[in-house]
Amino acid sequence: MKERLLKYLVCPECRGELTLLNPTRQGDEIWEAELNCASCQHAYKVVEGIPRFVPEALDSVVQRNVENFGAQWHLLDERSDVNRREFLSYLDKVSPDFFKGKLVLDAGCGMGKFLYYAAEWGAEDVIGVDLSNSVEVASRWTREMPNAHVIQADIYKLPLRDRFDFIYSIGVLHHLPDPPAGFRSLTKLLNRGGTILAWVYGYEGNQLYIKLADPLRWITCRLPFWVNKLGAKLLAGILWMIIWAVYLPANRLGFKRLPMNDYFLYFYELGFQFFRGTVLDKMIPSISHHYRRDEFARWWENFVDVRLVQRNGNSWTGVGVKA
């Protein structure tokens, strides 16, 4: 943990000031320490350079979600230029220049693949938050970047001051028990005039998947992770052959109305390893929601300059400014 992170932290229970106690360091990093709240007496640990604000107990369904995603991001922990291309595709019209000089929050940072680029693109500081132990991967990726920080915390109870210029949450809110409440929790941390971007699974374009495949997730999310890892590789291989043998020739002939056409072609461009991770991503969540456009639009009723864009024909990116 870099010492400059302290000015952004507050107690998640009472919003009180936190005091750093008994720090030990590795180079410029605070490696082990305690963060104590004088107001409510809660204490939190800094472990391996990461402030830990993990709730004492989680619902069993949420706990399964957290453990599965943590395992996934420890497996898929390699960074490549594909991550940059992926990030830009989610951001829609938000350009790398937009990050310069801003205080940025990556809400649900996973292994830190987008956190890295937000810092590289010149954010004053960017803070990545995740509830799973994927924060350990994110911390390794960004430890040498002076403006990148990682904390382990719950989106519903973030230990952060309400002063952010830009918040993005990509592929996270739809895995929460109450996604709109998670979104509202984030918006409270925005400055007036600050921008928030959220990407969620769409209902439109996913009807076939929701009807035939998504019900199986109730089973797969309960399987040992190594079983899902193997199953994702096999299933991804089968789907990859279908993309190669059916979707690519059909699109060359001008027929582009196959189910999930844009979605499959997008992943074909990014490569098989990336696609395998996406298949795994569909198998392991214990919670997953899909939103119609009108449902997602209601999240943005108190924002201005709102833009809702359908991505790959089956998901929604929303961007808005806090009035």
Protein backbone atom coordinates (compact mmCIF):
# COMPACT_ATOMS: atom_id res chain seq x y z
CA MET A 1 0.00 0.00 0.00
CA LYS A 2 1.35 3.40 -0.96
CA GLU A 3 1.12 6.02 1.77
CA ARG A 4 -0.75 8.44 -0.51
CA LEU A 5 -3.71 6.03 -0.51
CA LEU A 6 -4.43 6.95 3.13
CA LYS A 7 -5.93 10.33 2.20
CA TYR A 8 -8.73 8.56 0.31
CA LEU A 9 -9.65 6.00 2.98
CA VAL A 10 -12.37 6.17 5.65
CA CYS A 11 -13.97 3.63 7.93
CA PRO A 12 -16.63 1.70 5.95
CA GLU A 13 -18.80 1.38 9.06
CA CYS A 14 -19.04 4.98 10.25
CA ARG A 15 -17.10 7.04 7.67
CA GLY A 16 -14.70 8.03 10.42
CA GLU A 17 -11.00 8.84 10.05
CA LEU A 18 -8.54 5.96 9.98
CA THR A 19 -5.19 5.94 11.76
CA LEU A 20 -2.23 3.91 10.51
CA LEU A 21 -0.60 1.83 13.27
CA ASN A 22 2.48 -0.41 13.45
CA PRO A 23 3.45 -0.28 9.77
CA THR A 24 6.18 -2.47 8.32
CA ARG A 25 7.50 -1.65 4.88
CA GLN A 26 8.93 -3.25 1.77
CA GLY A 27 10.61 -0.48 -0.16
CA ASP A 28 8.04 2.27 -0.70
CA GLU A 29 5.12 -0.02 0.18
CA ILE A 30 3.39 -0.32 3.54
CA TRP A 31 3.37 -4.11 3.65
CA GLU A 32 1.74 -4.91 7.01
CA ALA A 33 -0.16 -2.54 9.31
CA GLU A 34 -3.41 -1.80 11.10
CA LEU A 35 -5.96 0.85 10.20
CA ASN A 36 -7.94 1.88 13.28
CA CYS A 37 -11.07 4.01 13.44
CA ALA A 38 -11.14 6.32 16.46
CA SER A 39 -14.89 6.89 16.11
CA CYS A 40 -16.27 3.34 16.17
CA GLN A 41 -13.15 1.40 17.21
CA HIS A 42 -13.21 -0.90 14.17
CA ALA A 43 -9.77 -2.14 13.09
CA TYR A 44 -8.67 -3.33 9.67
CA LYS A 45 -5.51 -5.06 8.51
CA VAL A 46 -3.07 -4.23 5.77
CA VAL A 47 -1.85 -7.64 4.57
CA GLU A 48 0.77 -8.07 1.83
CA GLY A 49 0.40 -4.43 0.90
CA ILE A 50 -3.40 -4.51 0.54
CA PRO A 51 -5.87 -2.86 2.95
CA ARG A 52 -8.47 -5.49 3.80
CA PHE A 53 -12.02 -4.32 4.55
CA VAL A 54 -13.69 -7.72 4.11
CA PRO A 55 -17.00 -8.25 5.97
CA GLU A 56 -16.82 -10.71 8.83
CA ALA A 57 -19.55 -12.90 7.30
CA LEU A 58 -21.04 -13.26 3.84
CA ASP A 59 -24.17 -14.95 2.62
CA SER A 60 -23.30 -18.46 1.35
CA VAL A 61 -24.35 -17.63 -2.23
CA VAL A 62 -22.24 -14.46 -2.22
CA GLN A 63 -19.34 -16.35 -0.66
CA ARG A 64 -19.44 -18.90 -3.47
CA ASN A 65 -19.44 -16.08 -6.02
CA VAL A 66 -16.45 -14.43 -4.39
CA GLU A 67 -14.44 -17.66 -4.16
CA ASN A 68 -15.15 -18.69 -7.75
CA PHE A 69 -14.19 -15.35 -9.22
CA GLY A 70 -11.08 -15.19 -7.05
CA ALA A 71 -9.99 -18.58 -8.40
CA GLN A 72 -10.72 -17.47 -11.96
CA TRP A 73 -8.56 -14.36 -11.76
CA HIS A 74 -5.69 -16.29 -10.22
CA LEU A 75 -5.91 -18.63 -13.22
CA LEU A 76 -6.25 -15.92 -15.89
CA ASP A 77 -3.50 -13.68 -14.55
CA GLU A 78 -1.53 -12.87 -17.72
CA ARG A 79 -1.59 -9.34 -19.11
CA SER A 80 -1.48 -8.69 -22.85
CA ASP A 81 -2.43 -6.03 -25.38
CA VAL A 82 -5.75 -7.86 -25.74
CA ASN A 83 -6.71 -6.39 -22.34
CA ARG A 84 -6.16 -2.89 -23.66
CA ARG A 85 -8.34 -3.54 -26.71
CA GLU A 86 -11.00 -5.08 -24.48
CA PHE A 87 -10.99 -2.10 -22.10
CA LEU A 88 -11.39 0.37 -24.96
CA SER A 89 -14.32 -1.63 -26.35
CA TYR A 90 -16.15 -1.33 -23.02
CA LEU A 91 -15.39 2.37 -22.65
CA ASP A 92 -17.18 3.22 -25.91
CA LYS A 93 -16.46 6.95 -26.48
CA VAL A 94 -14.49 7.47 -23.27
CA SER A 95 -10.93 7.89 -24.54
CA PRO A 96 -7.61 7.30 -22.76
CA ASP A 97 -7.13 11.09 -22.60
CA PHE A 98 -10.24 11.31 -20.40
CA PHE A 99 -8.33 9.66 -17.53
CA LYS A 100 -5.59 12.30 -17.30
CA GLY A 101 -5.45 14.05 -13.95
CA LYS A 102 -8.62 12.42 -12.61
CA LEU A 103 -9.26 10.47 -9.43
CA VAL A 104 -10.62 7.17 -10.74
CA LEU A 105 -12.32 4.15 -9.13
CA ASP A 106 -12.26 0.69 -10.73
CA ALA A 107 -15.22 -0.94 -8.96
CA GLY A 108 -14.67 -4.69 -9.18
CA CYS A 109 -11.12 -4.66 -10.51
CA GLY A 110 -10.61 -8.45 -10.61
CA MET A 111 -7.01 -9.15 -11.57
CA GLY A 112 -6.39 -5.47 -12.37
CA LYS A 113 -6.28 -5.74 -16.17
CA PHE A 114 -8.15 -2.43 -16.61
CA LEU A 115 -6.70 -0.81 -13.50
CA TYR A 116 -3.26 -1.04 -15.10
CA TYR A 117 -4.31 0.95 -18.17
CA ALA A 118 -6.27 3.54 -16.18
CA ALA A 119 -3.04 4.29 -14.31
CA GLU A 120 -0.93 4.19 -17.47
CA TRP A 121 -3.28 6.67 -19.17
CA GLY A 122 -2.46 9.32 -16.60
CA ALA A 123 -5.04 9.18 -13.82
CA GLU A 124 -3.95 11.23 -10.81
CA ASP A 125 -4.75 8.15 -8.76
CA VAL A 126 -6.80 5.08 -9.62
CA ILE A 127 -8.11 2.78 -6.89
CA GLY A 128 -9.11 -0.78 -7.70
CA VAL A 129 -11.60 -2.48 -5.38
CA ASP A 130 -12.64 -6.12 -5.30
CA LEU A 131 -14.15 -8.39 -2.66
CA SER A 132 -12.29 -11.50 -3.82
CA ASN A 133 -8.65 -12.42 -3.33
CA SER A 134 -8.06 -11.44 -6.97
CA VAL A 135 -6.77 -8.20 -5.42
CA GLU A 136 -3.50 -10.06 -4.84
CA VAL A 137 -3.06 -10.47 -8.61
CA ALA A 138 -4.11 -6.86 -9.23
CA SER A 139 -1.60 -5.65 -6.65
CA ARG A 140 1.25 -7.60 -8.29
CA TRP A 141 0.37 -6.13 -11.68
CA THR A 142 0.31 -2.51 -10.51
CA ARG A 143 2.65 -2.34 -7.53
CA GLU A 144 5.32 -0.42 -9.44
CA MET A 145 2.84 2.22 -10.64
CA PRO A 146 2.86 5.15 -8.18
CA ASN A 147 -0.71 6.18 -9.04
CA ALA A 148 -2.34 2.71 -8.81
CA HIS A 149 -3.82 1.33 -5.58
CA VAL A 150 -5.71 -1.84 -4.63
CA ILE A 151 -8.04 -2.50 -1.70
CA GLN A 152 -10.21 -5.48 -0.76
CA ALA A 153 -13.71 -4.33 0.10
CA ASP A 154 -17.44 -4.72 -0.52
CA ILE A 155 -19.07 -2.43 -3.12
CA TYR A 156 -22.00 -1.93 -0.74
CA LYS A 157 -19.66 -0.59 1.98
CA LEU A 158 -16.73 1.12 0.34
CA PRO A 159 -14.08 2.65 2.64
CA LEU A 160 -13.56 5.65 0.34
CA ARG A 161 -14.24 9.37 0.44
CA ASP A 162 -16.85 10.79 -1.92
CA ARG A 163 -14.51 12.69 -4.23
CA PHE A 164 -14.09 10.65 -7.43
CA ASP A 165 -14.06 12.22 -10.89
CA PHE A 166 -14.64 8.98 -12.80
CA ILE A 167 -15.95 5.59 -11.71
CA TYR A 168 -16.24 2.56 -13.95
CA SER A 169 -17.63 -0.89 -13.17
CA ILE A 170 -17.29 -3.46 -15.92
CA GLY A 171 -18.86 -6.91 -15.63
CA VAL A 172 -19.42 -6.66 -11.87
CA LEU A 173 -22.76 -5.12 -10.94
CA HIS A 174 -24.81 -7.87 -12.59
CA HIS A 175 -23.15 -10.40 -10.27
CA LEU A 176 -24.31 -8.61 -7.11
CA PRO A 177 -27.39 -9.69 -5.12
CA ASP A 178 -28.88 -6.21 -5.67
CA PRO A 179 -27.23 -4.55 -8.71
CA PRO A 180 -29.16 -1.22 -8.55
CA ALA A 181 -28.13 -0.83 -4.88
CA GLY A 182 -24.52 -1.49 -5.87
CA PHE A 183 -24.77 1.18 -8.55
CA ARG A 184 -26.23 3.68 -6.07
CA SER A 185 -23.40 2.92 -3.65
CA LEU A 186 -20.90 3.90 -6.34
CA THR A 187 -22.70 7.07 -7.37
CA LYS A 188 -22.49 8.38 -3.78
CA LEU A 189 -18.70 8.54 -4.21
CA LEU A 190 -18.86 10.75 -7.33
CA ASN A 191 -18.16 14.47 -7.33
CA ARG A 192 -20.88 16.63 -8.81
CA GLY A 193 -20.08 16.69 -12.50
CA GLY A 194 -18.27 13.36 -12.17
CA THR A 195 -18.79 10.57 -14.69
CA ILE A 196 -19.76 6.96 -14.08
CA LEU A 197 -19.67 4.10 -16.59
CA ALA A 198 -21.28 0.69 -16.02
CA TRP A 199 -21.39 -2.36 -18.25
CA VAL A 200 -23.94 -5.12 -17.59
CA TYR A 201 -25.33 -8.21 -19.28
CA GLY A 202 -28.29 -7.44 -21.51
CA TYR A 203 -31.51 -9.37 -21.90
CA GLU A 204 -31.87 -8.41 -25.54
CA GLY A 205 -29.67 -10.66 -27.64
CA ASN A 206 -29.27 -13.20 -24.83
CA GLN A 207 -32.76 -14.73 -24.86
CA LEU A 208 -31.59 -18.08 -26.24
CA TYR A 209 -28.68 -18.25 -23.81
CA ILE A 210 -30.91 -17.30 -20.85
CA LYS A 211 -33.44 -19.96 -21.76
CA LEU A 212 -31.11 -22.87 -22.60
CA ALA A 213 -27.70 -22.37 -21.00
CA ASP A 214 -27.98 -20.02 -18.02
CA PRO A 215 -30.10 -22.46 -15.93
CA LEU A 216 -27.14 -24.86 -15.96
CA ARG A 217 -25.11 -22.29 -14.03
CA TRP A 218 -27.06 -23.33 -10.92
CA ILE A 219 -25.16 -26.63 -11.18
CA THR A 220 -21.79 -25.50 -12.55
CA CYS A 221 -21.26 -22.78 -9.94
CA ARG A 222 -21.33 -25.51 -7.27
CA LEU A 223 -18.76 -27.75 -8.97
CA PRO A 224 -15.09 -27.81 -7.94
CA PHE A 225 -13.19 -25.11 -9.79
CA TRP A 226 -10.93 -27.59 -11.59
CA VAL A 227 -14.02 -29.25 -13.10
CA ASN A 228 -15.26 -25.93 -14.46
CA LYS A 229 -11.77 -25.12 -15.70
CA LEU A 230 -11.69 -28.35 -17.74
CA GLY A 231 -15.31 -27.99 -18.84
CA ALA A 232 -14.74 -24.42 -20.04
CA LYS A 233 -11.78 -25.52 -22.14
CA LEU A 234 -13.78 -28.32 -23.79
CA LEU A 235 -16.88 -26.20 -24.37
CA ALA A 236 -14.82 -23.30 -25.69
CA GLY A 237 -13.13 -25.69 -28.12
CA ILE A 238 -16.47 -26.89 -29.47
CA LEU A 239 -17.83 -23.36 -29.82
CA TRP A 240 -14.59 -22.23 -31.45
CA MET A 241 -14.99 -24.86 -34.16
CA ILE A 242 -18.59 -23.75 -34.72
CA ILE A 243 -17.43 -20.14 -35.05
CA TRP A 244 -14.75 -21.19 -37.52
CA ALA A 245 -16.94 -23.58 -39.55
CA VAL A 246 -20.29 -21.72 -39.47
CA TYR A 247 -20.09 -18.10 -38.35
CA LEU A 248 -17.05 -17.00 -40.33
CA PRO A 249 -18.24 -18.43 -43.69
CA ALA A 250 -21.77 -17.10 -43.12
CA ASN A 251 -20.48 -13.59 -42.45
CA ARG A 252 -18.24 -13.68 -45.50
CA LEU A 253 -21.36 -14.45 -47.53
CA GLY A 254 -23.15 -11.49 -45.97
CA PHE A 255 -25.40 -13.49 -43.63
CA LYS A 256 -25.01 -11.82 -40.23
CA ARG A 257 -28.21 -12.80 -38.43
CA LEU A 258 -26.99 -15.93 -36.67
CA PRO A 259 -27.64 -16.04 -32.89
CA MET A 260 -25.04 -13.98 -30.96
CA ASN A 261 -23.26 -13.21 -34.23
CA ASP A 262 -21.46 -10.01 -33.12
CA TYR A 263 -20.56 -11.57 -29.78
CA PHE A 264 -18.85 -14.62 -31.27
CA LEU A 265 -16.99 -12.63 -33.93
CA TYR A 266 -15.70 -10.21 -31.31
CA PHE A 267 -14.18 -13.05 -29.31
CA TYR A 268 -12.79 -14.68 -32.43
CA GLU A 269 -10.80 -11.49 -33.03
CA LEU A 270 -9.44 -11.54 -29.48
CA GLY A 271 -8.32 -15.17 -29.65
CA PHE A 272 -9.08 -18.58 -28.14
CA GLN A 273 -7.46 -18.08 -24.73
CA PHE A 274 -9.54 -15.00 -24.11
CA PHE A 275 -12.67 -16.83 -25.28
CA ARG A 276 -11.94 -19.76 -22.94
CA GLY A 277 -11.84 -17.33 -20.02
CA THR A 278 -15.18 -15.88 -21.07
CA VAL A 279 -16.79 -19.33 -21.20
CA LEU A 280 -15.46 -19.99 -17.69
CA ASP A 281 -16.87 -16.62 -16.65
CA LYS A 282 -20.35 -17.86 -17.64
CA MET A 283 -20.06 -21.12 -15.68
CA ILE A 284 -18.89 -20.02 -12.24
CA PRO A 285 -21.17 -17.20 -10.98
CA SER A 286 -23.68 -18.09 -8.30
CA ILE A 287 -25.45 -14.78 -9.07
CA SER A 288 -26.08 -13.38 -12.53
CA HIS A 289 -28.64 -10.85 -13.80
CA HIS A 290 -29.59 -9.77 -17.34
CA TYR A 291 -31.11 -6.33 -17.93
CA ARG A 292 -33.51 -5.03 -20.53
CA ARG A 293 -32.71 -1.58 -21.86
CA ASP A 294 -35.63 0.08 -20.09
CA GLU A 295 -34.62 -1.53 -16.77
CA PHE A 296 -31.04 -0.36 -17.13
CA ALA A 297 -32.18 3.10 -18.21
CA ARG A 298 -33.93 3.59 -14.87
CA TRP A 299 -30.55 3.47 -13.13
CA TRP A 300 -29.65 6.74 -14.87
CA GLU A 301 -32.73 8.86 -14.12
CA ASN A 302 -30.82 11.32 -11.91
CA PHE A 303 -27.93 11.75 -14.34
CA VAL A 304 -27.34 14.06 -17.29
CA ASP A 305 -25.63 13.50 -20.64
CA VAL A 306 -26.61 9.84 -20.38
CA ARG A 307 -25.59 7.51 -23.19
CA LEU A 308 -26.76 3.88 -23.34
CA VAL A 309 -25.07 1.73 -25.98
CA GLN A 310 -25.67 -1.90 -26.86
CA ARG A 311 -22.36 -3.74 -27.01
CA ASN A 312 -21.90 -6.81 -29.23
CA GLY A 313 -25.66 -7.12 -29.57
CA ASN A 314 -26.15 -8.57 -26.09
CA SER A 315 -24.99 -6.21 -23.33
CA TRP A 316 -25.31 -2.58 -22.25
CA THR A 317 -22.77 0.12 -21.58
CA GLY A 318 -24.14 3.14 -19.74
CA VAL A 319 -22.35 6.45 -19.19
CA GLY A 320 -23.69 9.45 -17.32
CA VAL A 321 -22.68 12.61 -15.46
CA LYS A 322 -23.77 13.36 -11.89
CA ALA A 323 -25.94 16.46 -11.92
